[in-house]
C-alpha atoms as a PDB file:
ATOM      1  CA  MET A   1     104.809 151.998 121.174  1.00  0.00           C
ATOM      2  CA  ASP A   2     103.144 151.406 124.547  1.00  0.00           C
ATOM      3  CA  GLU A   3     104.919 154.446 125.998  1.00  0.00           C
ATOM      4  CA  VAL A   4     103.717 156.754 123.200  1.00  0.00           C
ATOM      5  CA  SER A   5     100.173 155.366 122.925  1.00  0.00           C
ATOM      6  CA  LYS A   6      99.242 156.527 126.434  1.00  0.00           C
ATOM      7  CA  TYR A   7      99.569 160.144 125.168  1.00  0.00           C
ATOM      8  CA  ALA A   8      97.394 159.683 122.053  1.00  0.00           C
ATOM      9  CA  GLY A   9      94.386 161.501 123.498  1.00  0.00           C
ATOM     10  CA  ILE A  10      96.059 164.399 125.312  1.00  0.00           C
ATOM     11  CA  THR A  11      94.459 167.803 124.863  1.00  0.00           C
ATOM     12  CA  GLU A  12      96.939 169.870 126.854  1.00  0.00           C
ATOM     13  CA  LEU A  13     100.720 169.729 127.024  1.00  0.00           C
ATOM     14  CA  ASN A  14     102.121 170.151 130.518  1.00  0.00           C
ATOM     15  CA  TYR A  15     105.684 170.135 131.903  1.00  0.00           C
ATOM     16  CA  LYS A  16     105.699 166.417 132.731  1.00  0.00           C
ATOM     17  CA  ILE A  17     104.389 165.290 129.350  1.00  0.00           C
ATOM     18  CA  LEU A  18     106.690 167.686 127.506  1.00  0.00           C
ATOM     19  CA  HIS A  19     109.788 166.189 129.127  1.00  0.00           C
ATOM     20  CA  GLN A  20     108.612 162.618 128.599  1.00  0.00           C
ATOM     21  CA  LEU A  21     107.909 163.060 124.876  1.00  0.00           C
ATOM     22  CA  ILE A  22     110.354 165.658 123.558  1.00  0.00           C
ATOM     23  CA  ASP A  23     114.134 165.335 123.527  1.00  0.00           C
ATOM     24  CA  LYS A  24     114.926 168.785 122.107  1.00  0.00           C
ATOM     25  CA  ILE A  25     113.562 171.635 119.988  1.00  0.00           C
ATOM     26  CA  LEU A  26     115.715 173.507 117.494  1.00  0.00           C
ATOM     27  CA  VAL A  27     114.658 176.976 116.346  1.00  0.00           C
ATOM     28  CA  SER A  28     116.486 178.471 113.380  1.00  0.00           C
ATOM     29  CA  LYS A  29     117.395 182.098 112.863  1.00  0.00           C
ATOM     30  CA  ALA A  30     114.576 184.147 111.337  1.00  0.00           C
ATOM     31  CA  GLU A  31     115.101 185.007 107.661  1.00  0.00           C
ATOM     32  CA  LYS A  32     113.214 187.451 105.482  1.00  0.00           C
ATOM     33  CA  VAL A  33     111.612 185.693 102.490  1.00  0.00           C
ATOM     34  CA  ASP A  34     109.386 187.618 100.065  1.00  0.00           C
ATOM     35  CA  GLY A  35     108.889 190.394 102.623  1.00  0.00           C
ATOM     36  CA  GLU A  36     107.926 188.034 105.467  1.00  0.00           C
ATOM     37  CA  TYR A  37     110.055 186.617 108.248  1.00  0.00           C
ATOM     38  CA  VAL A  38     110.300 182.826 108.215  1.00  0.00           C
ATOM     39  CA  GLN A  39     111.648 180.727 111.056  1.00  0.00           C
ATOM     40  CA  LYS A  40     111.989 176.936 111.021  1.00  0.00           C
ATOM     41  CA  ILE A  41     111.280 174.805 114.078  1.00  0.00           C
ATOM     42  CA  GLN A  42     112.369 171.172 114.357  1.00  0.00           C
ATOM     43  CA  ILE A  43     111.099 168.970 117.183  1.00  0.00           C
ATOM     44  CA  PHE A  44     113.036 165.838 118.173  1.00  0.00           C
ATOM     45  CA  TYR A  45     110.751 163.293 119.871  1.00  0.00           C
ATOM     46  CA  ARG A  46     112.280 160.764 122.281  1.00  0.00           C
ATOM     47  CA  PHE A  47     110.752 157.682 120.694  1.00  0.00           C
ATOM     48  CA  ILE A  48     110.623 158.557 116.973  1.00  0.00           C
ATOM     49  CA  GLY A  49     113.302 161.189 116.366  1.00  0.00           C
ATOM     50  CA  PRO A  50     112.800 164.407 114.387  1.00  0.00           C
ATOM     51  CA  LEU A  51     109.826 165.100 112.144  1.00  0.00           C
ATOM     52  CA  ASP A  52     109.952 167.412 109.128  1.00  0.00           C
ATOM     53  CA  ALA A  53     110.731 171.026 109.984  1.00  0.00           C
ATOM     54  CA  ILE A  54     107.743 173.314 110.610  1.00  0.00           C
ATOM     55  CA  GLU A  55     107.704 176.800 109.097  1.00  0.00           C
END
Protein backbone atom coordinates (compact mmCIF):
# COMPACT_ATOMS: atom_id res chain seq x y z
CA MET A 1 0.00 0.00 0.00
CA ASP A 2 2.86 2.39 0.79
CA GLU A 3 4.35 1.81 -2.66
CA VAL A 4 1.08 2.64 -4.45
CA SER A 5 0.05 5.56 -2.23
CA LYS A 6 3.02 7.68 -3.32
CA TYR A 7 1.46 7.81 -6.83
CA ALA A 8 -2.04 8.85 -5.69
CA GLY A 9 -1.67 12.47 -6.79
CA ILE A 10 0.16 12.06 -10.11
CA THR A 11 -1.10 14.16 -12.99
CA GLU A 12 1.21 12.87 -15.70
CA LEU A 13 2.39 9.36 -16.49
CA ASN A 14 6.05 9.14 -17.44
CA TYR A 15 8.32 6.20 -18.36
CA LYS A 16 9.56 5.61 -14.81
CA ILE A 17 6.12 5.63 -13.22
CA LEU A 18 4.67 3.48 -16.00
CA HIS A 19 7.22 0.72 -15.39
CA GLN A 20 6.83 0.89 -11.62
CA LEU A 21 3.03 0.58 -11.67
CA ILE A 22 2.10 -1.51 -14.71
CA ASP A 23 3.11 -5.12 -15.31
CA LYS A 24 1.54 -5.51 -18.77
CA ILE A 25 -1.19 -4.22 -21.08
CA LEU A 26 -3.23 -6.53 -23.28
CA VAL A 27 -5.03 -5.11 -26.32
CA SER A 28 -7.56 -7.33 -28.05
CA LYS A 29 -8.25 -7.54 -31.76
CA ALA A 30 -10.70 -4.89 -32.97
CA GLU A 31 -14.19 -6.24 -33.73
CA LYS A 32 -17.06 -4.57 -35.52
CA VAL A 33 -20.14 -4.31 -33.27
CA ASP A 34 -23.28 -2.50 -34.46
CA GLY A 35 -21.30 -0.70 -37.16
CA GLU A 36 -18.54 0.49 -34.80
CA TYR A 37 -15.15 -1.01 -34.10
CA VAL A 38 -14.66 -2.08 -30.48
CA GLN A 39 -11.33 -2.99 -28.93
CA LYS A 40 -10.82 -4.14 -25.34
CA ILE A 41 -7.83 -3.08 -23.27
CA GLN A 42 -6.84 -4.81 -20.04
CA ILE A 43 -4.20 -3.30 -17.75
CA PHE A 44 -2.37 -5.51 -15.24
CA TYR A 45 -1.04 -3.45 -12.31
CA ARG A 46 1.98 -4.74 -10.37
CA PHE A 47 0.42 -4.44 -6.93
CA ILE A 48 -3.28 -5.19 -7.54
CA GLY A 49 -3.47 -7.29 -10.70
CA PRO A 50 -5.88 -6.68 -13.59
CA LEU A 51 -8.89 -4.39 -13.42
CA ASP A 52 -12.03 -4.86 -15.52
CA ALA A 53 -11.44 -4.56 -19.26
CA ILE A 54 -11.90 -1.09 -20.78
CA GLU A 55 -13.78 -0.72 -24.06
